[in-house]
Protein backbone atom coordinates (compact mmCIF):
# COMPACT_ATOMS: atom_id res chain seq x y z
CA MET A 1 3.21 -1.69 -15.00
CA SER A 2 -0.56 -0.91 -14.81
CA GLU A 3 -1.38 2.83 -14.67
CA HIS A 4 -4.51 4.77 -14.33
CA GLY A 5 -5.90 8.33 -14.99
CA PRO A 6 -4.12 11.54 -14.51
CA ARG A 7 -1.26 11.83 -12.20
CA ARG A 8 -2.14 14.49 -9.67
CA PRO A 9 -1.36 15.12 -5.93
CA HIS A 10 -4.09 13.55 -3.68
CA PRO A 11 -4.33 15.88 -0.56
CA GLU A 12 -7.56 14.14 0.61
CA HIS A 13 -7.46 12.45 3.92
CA VAL A 14 -7.24 8.73 3.90
CA VAL A 15 -9.93 6.92 5.94
CA LEU A 16 -8.97 3.41 6.98
CA GLU A 17 -11.39 0.78 8.12
CA ILE A 18 -9.58 -0.95 10.93
CA GLY A 19 -10.78 -2.58 14.36
CA ASP A 20 -10.80 -5.80 16.30
CA GLU A 21 -9.50 -8.39 13.76
CA ILE A 22 -9.38 -5.91 10.79
CA GLY A 23 -6.17 -3.93 10.07
CA ALA A 24 -4.60 -1.78 7.29
CA LEU A 25 -1.34 -1.51 5.43
CA LEU A 26 0.26 1.52 4.11
CA LEU A 27 2.91 0.88 1.23
CA TYR A 28 5.50 3.44 0.59
CA THR A 29 7.12 3.46 -2.84
CA ASP A 30 9.66 5.56 -5.01
CA PRO A 31 8.08 8.01 -7.42
CA ASP A 32 8.58 5.81 -10.40
CA LEU A 33 5.73 3.57 -9.12
CA LEU A 34 3.33 6.52 -9.25
CA GLY A 35 0.12 5.41 -10.86
CA SER A 36 0.97 1.68 -10.70
CA GLU A 37 -1.57 -0.91 -9.19
CA VAL A 38 -0.14 -3.03 -6.44
CA GLU A 39 -2.14 -6.18 -5.50
CA ILE A 40 -2.39 -7.86 -2.25
CA SER A 41 -3.70 -11.30 -1.27
CA LEU A 42 -3.92 -13.22 1.95
CA SER A 43 -1.04 -15.76 2.26
CA GLY A 44 -2.01 -19.10 0.63
CA HIS A 45 -4.77 -17.34 -1.52
CA ASP A 46 -2.80 -15.89 -4.30
CA ASP A 47 -5.66 -15.96 -6.73
CA GLU A 48 -7.73 -13.79 -4.48
CA ARG A 49 -6.28 -10.30 -4.77
CA GLN A 50 -7.40 -6.83 -4.39
CA HIS A 51 -5.56 -3.79 -5.66
CA LYS A 52 -4.73 -0.10 -4.98
CA GLU A 53 -3.15 2.56 -6.89
CA VAL A 54 0.24 4.22 -5.78
CA LEU A 55 -0.68 7.94 -5.23
CA GLU A 56 1.21 10.97 -4.66
CA ARG A 57 0.28 12.43 -1.26
CA PRO A 58 1.47 15.63 0.36
CA ILE A 59 2.18 15.00 4.00
CA GLY A 60 3.76 17.51 6.40
CA GLY A 61 5.14 19.62 3.67
CA ARG A 62 6.77 16.67 1.75
CA VAL A 63 5.61 14.40 -0.91
CA VAL A 64 5.06 10.63 -0.25
CA TYR A 65 4.02 7.96 -2.83
CA ALA A 66 1.77 5.37 -1.19
CA ALA A 67 -1.03 2.89 -1.62
CA ALA A 68 -3.25 2.37 1.32
CA PHE A 69 -4.91 -1.07 1.81
CA ASP A 70 -7.66 -1.11 4.48
CA GLY A 71 -10.25 -3.61 5.71
CA LEU A 72 -7.63 -6.50 5.85
CA ARG A 73 -8.26 -9.49 8.06
CA GLU A 74 -5.46 -10.07 10.54
CA GLY A 75 -2.83 -12.42 9.00
CA THR A 76 0.15 -12.29 6.58
CA TYR A 77 -0.15 -11.15 2.94
CA THR A 78 1.60 -11.23 -0.29
CA LEU A 79 2.20 -7.96 -2.31
CA TRP A 80 2.20 -8.20 -6.03
CA LEU A 81 3.60 -5.91 -8.75
CA ASP A 82 3.12 -6.66 -12.45
CA ASP A 83 1.76 -10.10 -11.44
CA GLU A 84 4.79 -10.94 -9.56
CA ALA A 85 5.13 -11.67 -5.90
CA TYR A 86 7.22 -8.81 -4.60
CA ALA A 87 6.96 -9.34 -0.86
CA ARG A 88 5.52 -12.29 0.97
CA GLU A 89 4.68 -12.75 4.75
CA VAL A 90 3.81 -8.94 5.31
CA ALA A 91 2.05 -9.05 8.67
CA VAL A 92 -1.16 -7.23 9.44
CA ARG A 93 -2.54 -7.00 12.80
CA GLY A 94 -6.20 -6.28 13.73
CA GLY A 95 -6.96 -2.73 14.89
CA ARG A 96 -3.44 -1.64 13.66
CA VAL A 97 -1.86 0.04 10.62
CA ALA A 98 1.17 -1.87 9.29
CA GLU A 99 3.63 -0.14 7.02
CA CYS A 100 5.88 -1.60 4.28
CA ASP A 101 8.54 0.58 2.59
CA TRP A 102 9.56 -0.35 -0.85
CA ARG A 103 11.66 2.88 -1.27
CA ARG A 104 15.36 2.64 -2.27
CA GLU A 105 16.03 5.12 0.57
CA PRO A 106 13.66 4.16 3.50
CA GLY A 107 12.25 7.16 5.08
CA ALA A 108 12.95 9.46 2.13
CA GLY A 109 10.13 12.06 1.91
CA ALA A 110 8.29 10.75 4.88
CA GLY A 111 6.72 13.58 6.92
């Protein structure tokens, strides 16, 4: 599992680039993935990946662990963890924010 820098809460606002044919994806995880890098690739383009770090974010008085992917062309995507495909055919629509929940108890901690 790839990890970065100090683990700290990230109360900063998330600004997502979306519109027309460009969407975003919010990935919710359990705390054990804090600091991990999750990669994403357009379906059929497994070697062309970008990555985001799972961060701790306080939302509405609760803590959420999430990675935010923005600027994604409309289509389906594969999510990668430790160089293994963890989820395939994740749909992203232009002008919208899709959500994917990897928590063992979906909705846990969501504000």
